[in-house]
Amino acid sequence: FVGVQYHPELKSRPFAPHPLFAGF
């Protein structure tokens, strides 16, 4: 259960999935 004030989706890439999305 994680909430973030920022937008991690904007830094995700196919070769480097954002760690929060990978963990989710």
mmCIF file of all heavy atoms, coordinates in Angstrom:
data_MODEL
# 
_entry.id   MODEL 
# 
loop_
_atom_site.group_PDB 
_atom_site.id 
_atom_site.type_symbol 
_atom_site.label_atom_id 
_atom_site.label_alt_id 
_atom_site.label_comp_id 
_atom_site.label_asym_id 
_atom_site.label_entity_id 
_atom_site.label_seq_id 
_atom_site.pdbx_PDB_ins_code 
_atom_site.Cartn_x 
_atom_site.Cartn_y 
_atom_site.Cartn_z 
_atom_site.occupancy 
_atom_site.B_iso_or_equiv 
_atom_site.pdbx_formal_charge 
_atom_site.auth_seq_id 
_atom_site.auth_comp_id 
_atom_site.auth_asym_id 
_atom_site.auth_atom_id 
_atom_site.pdbx_PDB_model_num 
ATOM 1   N N   . PHE A 1 1  ? 0.870  -1.179 0.000   1.00 0.00 ? 1  PHE A N   1 
ATOM 2   C CA  . PHE A 1 1  ? 0.000  0.000  0.000   1.00 0.00 ? 1  PHE A CA  1 
ATOM 3   C C   . PHE A 1 1  ? 0.901  1.221  0.000   1.00 0.00 ? 1  PHE A C   1 
ATOM 4   O O   . PHE A 1 1  ? 1.530  1.555  1.006   1.00 0.00 ? 1  PHE A O   1 
ATOM 5   C CB  . PHE A 1 1  ? -0.887 0.003  1.244   1.00 0.00 ? 1  PHE A CB  1 
ATOM 6   C CG  . PHE A 1 1  ? -2.035 0.979  1.188   1.00 0.00 ? 1  PHE A CG  1 
ATOM 7   C CD1 . PHE A 1 1  ? -3.339 0.526  1.035   1.00 0.00 ? 1  PHE A CD1 1 
ATOM 8   C CD2 . PHE A 1 1  ? -1.819 2.350  1.314   1.00 0.00 ? 1  PHE A CD2 1 
ATOM 9   C CE1 . PHE A 1 1  ? -4.403 1.429  1.001   1.00 0.00 ? 1  PHE A CE1 1 
ATOM 10  C CE2 . PHE A 1 1  ? -2.870 3.249  1.270   1.00 0.00 ? 1  PHE A CE2 1 
ATOM 11  C CZ  . PHE A 1 1  ? -4.178 2.788  1.118   1.00 0.00 ? 1  PHE A CZ  1 
ATOM 12  N N   . VAL A 1 2  ? 0.989  1.892  -1.158  1.00 0.00 ? 2  VAL A N   1 
ATOM 13  C CA  . VAL A 1 2  ? 1.931  3.005  -1.341  1.00 0.00 ? 2  VAL A CA  1 
ATOM 14  C C   . VAL A 1 2  ? 1.228  4.170  -2.013  1.00 0.00 ? 2  VAL A C   1 
ATOM 15  O O   . VAL A 1 2  ? 0.456  3.987  -2.963  1.00 0.00 ? 2  VAL A O   1 
ATOM 16  C CB  . VAL A 1 2  ? 3.148  2.567  -2.186  1.00 0.00 ? 2  VAL A CB  1 
ATOM 17  C CG1 . VAL A 1 2  ? 4.035  3.770  -2.518  1.00 0.00 ? 2  VAL A CG1 1 
ATOM 18  C CG2 . VAL A 1 2  ? 3.950  1.499  -1.468  1.00 0.00 ? 2  VAL A CG2 1 
ATOM 19  N N   . GLY A 1 3  ? 1.493  5.353  -1.507  1.00 0.00 ? 3  GLY A N   1 
ATOM 20  C CA  . GLY A 1 3  ? 1.017  6.569  -2.151  1.00 0.00 ? 3  GLY A CA  1 
ATOM 21  C C   . GLY A 1 3  ? 2.180  7.518  -2.362  1.00 0.00 ? 3  GLY A C   1 
ATOM 22  O O   . GLY A 1 3  ? 3.059  7.631  -1.505  1.00 0.00 ? 3  GLY A O   1 
ATOM 23  N N   . VAL A 1 4  ? 2.208  8.178  -3.511  1.00 0.00 ? 4  VAL A N   1 
ATOM 24  C CA  . VAL A 1 4  ? 3.277  9.139  -3.807  1.00 0.00 ? 4  VAL A CA  1 
ATOM 25  C C   . VAL A 1 4  ? 2.664  10.427 -4.337  1.00 0.00 ? 4  VAL A C   1 
ATOM 26  O O   . VAL A 1 4  ? 1.672  10.400 -5.068  1.00 0.00 ? 4  VAL A O   1 
ATOM 27  C CB  . VAL A 1 4  ? 4.291  8.569  -4.831  1.00 0.00 ? 4  VAL A CB  1 
ATOM 28  C CG1 . VAL A 1 4  ? 4.985  7.341  -4.261  1.00 0.00 ? 4  VAL A CG1 1 
ATOM 29  C CG2 . VAL A 1 4  ? 3.624  8.243  -6.152  1.00 0.00 ? 4  VAL A CG2 1 
ATOM 30  N N   . GLN A 1 5  ? 3.248  11.562 -3.964  1.00 0.00 ? 5  GLN A N   1 
ATOM 31  C CA  . GLN A 1 5  ? 2.734  12.848 -4.398  1.00 0.00 ? 5  GLN A CA  1 
ATOM 32  C C   . GLN A 1 5  ? 3.183  13.188 -5.821  1.00 0.00 ? 5  GLN A C   1 
ATOM 33  O O   . GLN A 1 5  ? 2.575  14.002 -6.494  1.00 0.00 ? 5  GLN A O   1 
ATOM 34  C CB  . GLN A 1 5  ? 3.201  13.937 -3.431  1.00 0.00 ? 5  GLN A CB  1 
ATOM 35  C CG  . GLN A 1 5  ? 2.659  15.321 -3.738  1.00 0.00 ? 5  GLN A CG  1 
ATOM 36  C CD  . GLN A 1 5  ? 1.149  15.375 -3.748  1.00 0.00 ? 5  GLN A CD  1 
ATOM 37  O OE1 . GLN A 1 5  ? 0.511  15.307 -2.724  1.00 0.00 ? 5  GLN A OE1 1 
ATOM 38  N NE2 . GLN A 1 5  ? 0.562  15.477 -4.935  1.00 0.00 ? 5  GLN A NE2 1 
ATOM 39  N N   . TYR A 1 6  ? 4.211  12.536 -6.285  1.00 0.00 ? 6  TYR A N   1 
ATOM 40  C CA  . TYR A 1 6  ? 4.772  12.830 -7.610  1.00 0.00 ? 6  TYR A CA  1 
ATOM 41  C C   . TYR A 1 6  ? 4.238  11.848 -8.658  1.00 0.00 ? 6  TYR A C   1 
ATOM 42  O O   . TYR A 1 6  ? 3.334  11.053 -8.385  1.00 0.00 ? 6  TYR A O   1 
ATOM 43  C CB  . TYR A 1 6  ? 6.301  12.778 -7.545  1.00 0.00 ? 6  TYR A CB  1 
ATOM 44  C CG  . TYR A 1 6  ? 6.843  11.574 -6.801  1.00 0.00 ? 6  TYR A CG  1 
ATOM 45  C CD1 . TYR A 1 6  ? 6.964  10.335 -7.410  1.00 0.00 ? 6  TYR A CD1 1 
ATOM 46  C CD2 . TYR A 1 6  ? 7.227  11.675 -5.459  1.00 0.00 ? 6  TYR A CD2 1 
ATOM 47  C CE1 . TYR A 1 6  ? 7.459  9.230  -6.730  1.00 0.00 ? 6  TYR A CE1 1 
ATOM 48  C CE2 . TYR A 1 6  ? 7.721  10.574 -4.768  1.00 0.00 ? 6  TYR A CE2 1 
ATOM 49  C CZ  . TYR A 1 6  ? 7.831  9.360  -5.415  1.00 0.00 ? 6  TYR A CZ  1 
ATOM 50  O OH  . TYR A 1 6  ? 8.310  8.257  -4.744  1.00 0.00 ? 6  TYR A OH  1 
ATOM 51  N N   . HIS A 1 7  ? 4.794  11.915 -9.856  1.00 0.00 ? 7  HIS A N   1 
ATOM 52  C CA  . HIS A 1 7  ? 4.318  11.095 -10.973 1.00 0.00 ? 7  HIS A CA  1 
ATOM 53  C C   . HIS A 1 7  ? 5.430  10.178 -11.485 1.00 0.00 ? 7  HIS A C   1 
ATOM 54  O O   . HIS A 1 7  ? 6.132  10.512 -12.448 1.00 0.00 ? 7  HIS A O   1 
ATOM 55  C CB  . HIS A 1 7  ? 3.809  11.998 -12.101 1.00 0.00 ? 7  HIS A CB  1 
ATOM 56  C CG  . HIS A 1 7  ? 2.551  12.717 -11.767 1.00 0.00 ? 7  HIS A CG  1 
ATOM 57  N ND1 . HIS A 1 7  ? 1.301  12.196 -12.030 1.00 0.00 ? 7  HIS A ND1 1 
ATOM 58  C CD2 . HIS A 1 7  ? 2.345  13.907 -11.146 1.00 0.00 ? 7  HIS A CD2 1 
ATOM 59  C CE1 . HIS A 1 7  ? 0.380  13.039 -11.609 1.00 0.00 ? 7  HIS A CE1 1 
ATOM 60  N NE2 . HIS A 1 7  ? 0.983  14.085 -11.068 1.00 0.00 ? 7  HIS A NE2 1 
ATOM 61  N N   . PRO A 1 8  ? 5.593  9.016  -10.877 1.00 0.00 ? 8  PRO A N   1 
ATOM 62  C CA  . PRO A 1 8  ? 6.672  8.112  -11.293 1.00 0.00 ? 8  PRO A CA  1 
ATOM 63  C C   . PRO A 1 8  ? 6.484  7.555  -12.700 1.00 0.00 ? 8  PRO A C   1 
ATOM 64  O O   . PRO A 1 8  ? 7.456  7.140  -13.330 1.00 0.00 ? 8  PRO A O   1 
ATOM 65  C CB  . PRO A 1 8  ? 6.612  6.996  -10.243 1.00 0.00 ? 8  PRO A CB  1 
ATOM 66  C CG  . PRO A 1 8  ? 5.194  7.010  -9.767  1.00 0.00 ? 8  PRO A CG  1 
ATOM 67  C CD  . PRO A 1 8  ? 4.793  8.453  -9.771  1.00 0.00 ? 8  PRO A CD  1 
ATOM 68  N N   . GLU A 1 9  ? 5.254  7.555  -13.205 1.00 0.00 ? 9  GLU A N   1 
ATOM 69  C CA  . GLU A 1 9  ? 5.022  7.010  -14.546 1.00 0.00 ? 9  GLU A CA  1 
ATOM 70  C C   . GLU A 1 9  ? 5.781  7.779  -15.620 1.00 0.00 ? 9  GLU A C   1 
ATOM 71  O O   . GLU A 1 9  ? 6.095  7.227  -16.688 1.00 0.00 ? 9  GLU A O   1 
ATOM 72  C CB  . GLU A 1 9  ? 3.521  7.013  -14.878 1.00 0.00 ? 9  GLU A CB  1 
ATOM 73  C CG  . GLU A 1 9  ? 2.876  8.366  -15.073 1.00 0.00 ? 9  GLU A CG  1 
ATOM 74  C CD  . GLU A 1 9  ? 2.371  9.002  -13.795 1.00 0.00 ? 9  GLU A CD  1 
ATOM 75  O OE1 . GLU A 1 9  ? 2.834  8.602  -12.713 1.00 0.00 ? 9  GLU A OE1 1 
ATOM 76  O OE2 . GLU A 1 9  ? 1.512  9.908  -13.882 1.00 0.00 ? 9  GLU A OE2 1 
ATOM 77  N N   . LEU A 1 10 ? 6.124  9.029  -15.333 1.00 0.00 ? 10 LEU A N   1 
ATOM 78  C CA  . LEU A 1 10 ? 6.801  9.857  -16.333 1.00 0.00 ? 10 LEU A CA  1 
ATOM 79  C C   . LEU A 1 10 ? 8.266  9.483  -16.523 1.00 0.00 ? 10 LEU A C   1 
ATOM 80  O O   . LEU A 1 10 ? 8.898  9.920  -17.490 1.00 0.00 ? 10 LEU A O   1 
ATOM 81  C CB  . LEU A 1 10 ? 6.698  11.334 -15.941 1.00 0.00 ? 10 LEU A CB  1 
ATOM 82  C CG  . LEU A 1 10 ? 5.263  11.886 -15.829 1.00 0.00 ? 10 LEU A CG  1 
ATOM 83  C CD1 . LEU A 1 10 ? 5.291  13.343 -15.414 1.00 0.00 ? 10 LEU A CD1 1 
ATOM 84  C CD2 . LEU A 1 10 ? 4.513  11.718 -17.137 1.00 0.00 ? 10 LEU A CD2 1 
ATOM 85  N N   . LYS A 1 11 ? 8.804  8.674  -15.630 1.00 0.00 ? 11 LYS A N   1 
ATOM 86  C CA  . LYS A 1 11 ? 10.209 8.281  -15.739 1.00 0.00 ? 11 LYS A CA  1 
ATOM 87  C C   . LYS A 1 11 ? 10.378 6.799  -16.061 1.00 0.00 ? 11 LYS A C   1 
ATOM 88  O O   . LYS A 1 11 ? 11.500 6.297  -16.107 1.00 0.00 ? 11 LYS A O   1 
ATOM 89  C CB  . LYS A 1 11 ? 10.957 8.614  -14.445 1.00 0.00 ? 11 LYS A CB  1 
ATOM 90  C CG  . LYS A 1 11 ? 11.062 10.113 -14.171 1.00 0.00 ? 11 LYS A CG  1 
ATOM 91  C CD  . LYS A 1 11 ? 11.841 10.420 -12.900 1.00 0.00 ? 11 LYS A CD  1 
ATOM 92  C CE  . LYS A 1 11 ? 13.305 10.080 -13.029 1.00 0.00 ? 11 LYS A CE  1 
ATOM 93  N NZ  . LYS A 1 11 ? 14.089 10.507 -11.849 1.00 0.00 ? 11 LYS A NZ  1 
ATOM 94  N N   . SER A 1 12 ? 9.286  6.107  -16.279 1.00 0.00 ? 12 SER A N   1 
ATOM 95  C CA  . SER A 1 12 ? 9.373  4.678  -16.586 1.00 0.00 ? 12 SER A CA  1 
ATOM 96  C C   . SER A 1 12 ? 9.701  4.471  -18.063 1.00 0.00 ? 12 SER A C   1 
ATOM 97  O O   . SER A 1 12 ? 9.239  5.226  -18.927 1.00 0.00 ? 12 SER A O   1 
ATOM 98  C CB  . SER A 1 12 ? 8.050  3.991  -16.245 1.00 0.00 ? 12 SER A CB  1 
ATOM 99  O OG  . SER A 1 12 ? 8.156  2.594  -16.376 1.00 0.00 ? 12 SER A OG  1 
ATOM 100 N N   . ARG A 1 13 ? 10.498 3.448  -18.346 1.00 0.00 ? 13 ARG A N   1 
ATOM 101 C CA  . ARG A 1 13 ? 10.891 3.123  -19.716 1.00 0.00 ? 13 ARG A CA  1 
ATOM 102 C C   . ARG A 1 13 ? 10.813 1.607  -19.913 1.00 0.00 ? 13 ARG A C   1 
ATOM 103 O O   . ARG A 1 13 ? 10.959 0.841  -18.953 1.00 0.00 ? 13 ARG A O   1 
ATOM 104 C CB  . ARG A 1 13 ? 12.330 3.591  -19.983 1.00 0.00 ? 13 ARG A CB  1 
ATOM 105 C CG  . ARG A 1 13 ? 12.531 5.097  -19.822 1.00 0.00 ? 13 ARG A CG  1 
ATOM 106 C CD  . ARG A 1 13 ? 11.839 5.882  -20.923 1.00 0.00 ? 13 ARG A CD  1 
ATOM 107 N NE  . ARG A 1 13 ? 12.071 7.312  -20.808 1.00 0.00 ? 13 ARG A NE  1 
ATOM 108 C CZ  . ARG A 1 13 ? 11.272 8.151  -20.144 1.00 0.00 ? 13 ARG A CZ  1 
ATOM 109 N NH1 . ARG A 1 13 ? 10.203 7.683  -19.513 1.00 0.00 ? 13 ARG A NH1 1 
ATOM 110 N NH2 . ARG A 1 13 ? 11.526 9.439  -20.115 1.00 0.00 ? 13 ARG A NH2 1 
ATOM 111 N N   . PRO A 1 14 ? 10.609 1.145  -21.131 1.00 0.00 ? 14 PRO A N   1 
ATOM 112 C CA  . PRO A 1 14 ? 10.521 -0.312 -21.337 1.00 0.00 ? 14 PRO A CA  1 
ATOM 113 C C   . PRO A 1 14 ? 11.789 -1.049 -20.917 1.00 0.00 ? 14 PRO A C   1 
ATOM 114 O O   . PRO A 1 14 ? 11.720 -2.150 -20.371 1.00 0.00 ? 14 PRO A O   1 
ATOM 115 C CB  . PRO A 1 14 ? 10.257 -0.446 -22.844 1.00 0.00 ? 14 PRO A CB  1 
ATOM 116 C CG  . PRO A 1 14 ? 10.668 0.863  -23.436 1.00 0.00 ? 14 PRO A CG  1 
ATOM 117 C CD  . PRO A 1 14 ? 10.398 1.881  -22.390 1.00 0.00 ? 14 PRO A CD  1 
ATOM 118 N N   . PHE A 1 15 ? 12.970 -0.436 -21.156 1.00 0.00 ? 15 PHE A N   1 
ATOM 119 C CA  . PHE A 1 15 ? 14.224 -1.064 -20.751 1.00 0.00 ? 15 PHE A CA  1 
ATOM 120 C C   . PHE A 1 15 ? 14.508 -0.868 -19.266 1.00 0.00 ? 15 PHE A C   1 
ATOM 121 O O   . PHE A 1 15 ? 15.314 -1.589 -18.687 1.00 0.00 ? 15 PHE A O   1 
ATOM 122 C CB  . PHE A 1 15 ? 15.403 -0.482 -21.543 1.00 0.00 ? 15 PHE A CB  1 
ATOM 123 C CG  . PHE A 1 15 ? 15.360 -0.823 -23.007 1.00 0.00 ? 15 PHE A CG  1 
ATOM 124 C CD1 . PHE A 1 15 ? 15.813 0.081  -23.948 1.00 0.00 ? 15 PHE A CD1 1 
ATOM 125 C CD2 . PHE A 1 15 ? 14.872 -2.055 -23.445 1.00 0.00 ? 15 PHE A CD2 1 
ATOM 126 C CE1 . PHE A 1 15 ? 15.787 -0.232 -25.301 1.00 0.00 ? 15 PHE A CE1 1 
ATOM 127 C CE2 . PHE A 1 15 ? 14.836 -2.362 -24.792 1.00 0.00 ? 15 PHE A CE2 1 
ATOM 128 C CZ  . PHE A 1 15 ? 15.288 -1.464 -25.719 1.00 0.00 ? 15 PHE A CZ  1 
ATOM 129 N N   . ALA A 1 16 ? 13.853 0.124  -18.667 1.00 0.00 ? 16 ALA A N   1 
ATOM 130 C CA  . ALA A 1 16 ? 14.084 0.432  -17.254 1.00 0.00 ? 16 ALA A CA  1 
ATOM 131 C C   . ALA A 1 16 ? 12.745 0.739  -16.593 1.00 0.00 ? 16 ALA A C   1 
ATOM 132 O O   . ALA A 1 16 ? 12.439 1.906  -16.317 1.00 0.00 ? 16 ALA A O   1 
ATOM 133 C CB  . ALA A 1 16 ? 15.046 1.604  -17.110 1.00 0.00 ? 16 ALA A CB  1 
ATOM 134 N N   . PRO A 1 17 ? 11.925 -0.279 -16.332 1.00 0.00 ? 17 PRO A N   1 
ATOM 135 C CA  . PRO A 1 17 ? 10.640 -0.047 -15.671 1.00 0.00 ? 17 PRO A CA  1 
ATOM 136 C C   . PRO A 1 17 ? 10.843 0.657  -14.336 1.00 0.00 ? 17 PRO A C   1 
ATOM 137 O O   . PRO A 1 17 ? 11.786 0.355  -13.606 1.00 0.00 ? 17 PRO A O   1 
ATOM 138 C CB  . PRO A 1 17 ? 10.087 -1.464 -15.473 1.00 0.00 ? 17 PRO A CB  1 
ATOM 139 C CG  . PRO A 1 17 ? 10.764 -2.291 -16.527 1.00 0.00 ? 17 PRO A CG  1 
ATOM 140 C CD  . PRO A 1 17 ? 12.135 -1.697 -16.657 1.00 0.00 ? 17 PRO A CD  1 
ATOM 141 N N   . HIS A 1 18 ? 9.977  1.592  -14.029 1.00 0.00 ? 18 HIS A N   1 
ATOM 142 C CA  . HIS A 1 18 ? 10.116 2.295  -12.758 1.00 0.00 ? 18 HIS A CA  1 
ATOM 143 C C   . HIS A 1 18 ? 9.970  1.301  -11.608 1.00 0.00 ? 18 HIS A C   1 
ATOM 144 O O   . HIS A 1 18 ? 9.085  0.441  -11.636 1.00 0.00 ? 18 HIS A O   1 
ATOM 145 C CB  . HIS A 1 18 ? 9.050  3.391  -12.639 1.00 0.00 ? 18 HIS A CB  1 
ATOM 146 C CG  . HIS A 1 18 ? 9.339  4.371  -11.547 1.00 0.00 ? 18 HIS A CG  1 
ATOM 147 N ND1 . HIS A 1 18 ? 9.154  4.073  -10.204 1.00 0.00 ? 18 HIS A ND1 1 
ATOM 148 C CD2 . HIS A 1 18 ? 9.813  5.654  -11.578 1.00 0.00 ? 18 HIS A CD2 1 
ATOM 149 C CE1 . HIS A 1 18 ? 9.490  5.112  -9.478  1.00 0.00 ? 18 HIS A CE1 1 
ATOM 150 N NE2 . HIS A 1 18 ? 9.903  6.082  -10.280 1.00 0.00 ? 18 HIS A NE2 1 
ATOM 151 N N   . PRO A 1 19 ? 10.835 1.379  -10.592 1.00 0.00 ? 19 PRO A N   1 
ATOM 152 C CA  . PRO A 1 19 ? 10.799 0.390  -9.511  1.00 0.00 ? 19 PRO A CA  1 
ATOM 153 C C   . PRO A 1 19 ? 9.455  0.308  -8.790  1.00 0.00 ? 19 PRO A C   1 
ATOM 154 O O   . PRO A 1 19 ? 9.074  -0.769 -8.315  1.00 0.00 ? 19 PRO A O   1 
ATOM 155 C CB  . PRO A 1 19 ? 11.913 0.847  -8.564  1.00 0.00 ? 19 PRO A CB  1 
ATOM 156 C CG  . PRO A 1 19 ? 12.200 2.266  -8.941  1.00 0.00 ? 19 PRO A CG  1 
ATOM 157 C CD  . PRO A 1 19 ? 11.922 2.358  -10.395 1.00 0.00 ? 19 PRO A CD  1 
ATOM 158 N N   . LEU A 1 20 ? 8.724  1.418  -8.710  1.00 0.00 ? 20 LEU A N   1 
ATOM 159 C CA  . LEU A 1 20 ? 7.425  1.372  -8.047  1.00 0.00 ? 20 LEU A CA  1 
ATOM 160 C C   . LEU A 1 20 ? 6.408  0.600  -8.867  1.00 0.00 ? 20 LEU A C   1 
ATOM 161 O O   . LEU A 1 20 ? 5.595  -0.161 -8.331  1.00 0.00 ? 20 LEU A O   1 
ATOM 162 C CB  . LEU A 1 20 ? 6.920  2.784  -7.770  1.00 0.00 ? 20 LEU A CB  1 
ATOM 163 C CG  . LEU A 1 20 ? 7.743  3.624  -6.796  1.00 0.00 ? 20 LEU A CG  1 
ATOM 164 C CD1 . LEU A 1 20 ? 7.036  4.946  -6.491  1.00 0.00 ? 20 LEU A CD1 1 
ATOM 165 C CD2 . LEU A 1 20 ? 8.023  2.863  -5.504  1.00 0.00 ? 20 LEU A CD2 1 
ATOM 166 N N   . PHE A 1 21 ? 6.442  0.755  -10.179 1.00 0.00 ? 21 PHE A N   1 
ATOM 167 C CA  . PHE A 1 21 ? 5.513  0.005  -11.030 1.00 0.00 ? 21 PHE A CA  1 
ATOM 168 C C   . PHE A 1 21 ? 5.917  -1.464 -11.093 1.00 0.00 ? 21 PHE A C   1 
ATOM 169 O O   . PHE A 1 21 ? 5.059  -2.352 -11.130 1.00 0.00 ? 21 PHE A O   1 
ATOM 170 C CB  . PHE A 1 21 ? 5.457  0.623  -12.426 1.00 0.00 ? 21 PHE A CB  1 
ATOM 171 C CG  . PHE A 1 21 ? 4.596  1.846  -12.487 1.00 0.00 ? 21 PHE A CG  1 
ATOM 172 C CD1 . PHE A 1 21 ? 5.144  3.110  -12.296 1.00 0.00 ? 21 PHE A CD1 1 
ATOM 173 C CD2 . PHE A 1 21 ? 3.233  1.747  -12.700 1.00 0.00 ? 21 PHE A CD2 1 
ATOM 174 C CE1 . PHE A 1 21 ? 4.350  4.244  -12.325 1.00 0.00 ? 21 PHE A CE1 1 
ATOM 175 C CE2 . PHE A 1 21 ? 2.425  2.868  -12.740 1.00 0.00 ? 21 PHE A CE2 1 
ATOM 176 C CZ  . PHE A 1 21 ? 2.986  4.125  -12.549 1.00 0.00 ? 21 PHE A CZ  1 
ATOM 177 N N   . ALA A 1 22 ? 7.214  -1.740 -11.107 1.00 0.00 ? 22 ALA A N   1 
ATOM 178 C CA  . ALA A 1 22 ? 7.678  -3.126 -11.080 1.00 0.00 ? 22 ALA A CA  1 
ATOM 179 C C   . ALA A 1 22 ? 7.235  -3.791 -9.775  1.00 0.00 ? 22 ALA A C   1 
ATOM 180 O O   . ALA A 1 22 ? 6.750  -4.927 -9.765  1.00 0.00 ? 22 ALA A O   1 
ATOM 181 C CB  . ALA A 1 22 ? 9.195  -3.181 -11.228 1.00 0.00 ? 22 ALA A CB  1 
ATOM 182 N N   . GLY A 1 23 ? 7.383  -3.075 -8.649  1.00 0.00 ? 23 GLY A N   1 
ATOM 183 C CA  . GLY A 1 23 ? 6.978  -3.622 -7.364  1.00 0.00 ? 23 GLY A CA  1 
ATOM 184 C C   . GLY A 1 23 ? 5.471  -3.785 -7.252  1.00 0.00 ? 23 GLY A C   1 
ATOM 185 O O   . GLY A 1 23 ? 4.977  -4.755 -6.665  1.00 0.00 ? 23 GLY A O   1 
ATOM 186 N N   . PHE A 1 24 ? 4.740  -2.832 -7.805  1.00 0.00 ? 24 PHE A N   1 
ATOM 187 C CA  . PHE A 1 24 ? 3.273  -2.875 -7.777  1.00 0.00 ? 24 PHE A CA  1 
ATOM 188 C C   . PHE A 1 24 ? 2.745  -4.083 -8.542  1.00 0.00 ? 24 PHE A C   1 
ATOM 189 O O   . PHE A 1 24 ? 1.882  -4.826 -8.052  1.00 0.00 ? 24 PHE A O   1 
ATOM 190 C CB  . PHE A 1 24 ? 2.724  -1.579 -8.372  1.00 0.00 ? 24 PHE A CB  1 
ATOM 191 C CG  . PHE A 1 24 ? 1.227  -1.487 -8.409  1.00 0.00 ? 24 PHE A CG  1 
ATOM 192 C CD1 . PHE A 1 24 ? 0.474  -1.635 -7.251  1.00 0.00 ? 24 PHE A CD1 1 
ATOM 193 C CD2 . PHE A 1 24 ? 0.568  -1.232 -9.605  1.00 0.00 ? 24 PHE A CD2 1 
ATOM 194 C CE1 . PHE A 1 24 ? -0.927 -1.531 -7.284  1.00 0.00 ? 24 PHE A CE1 1 
ATOM 195 C CE2 . PHE A 1 24 ? -0.809 -1.120 -9.655  1.00 0.00 ? 24 PHE A CE2 1 
ATOM 196 C CZ  . PHE A 1 24 ? -1.562 -1.273 -8.493  1.00 0.00 ? 24 PHE A CZ  1 
# 
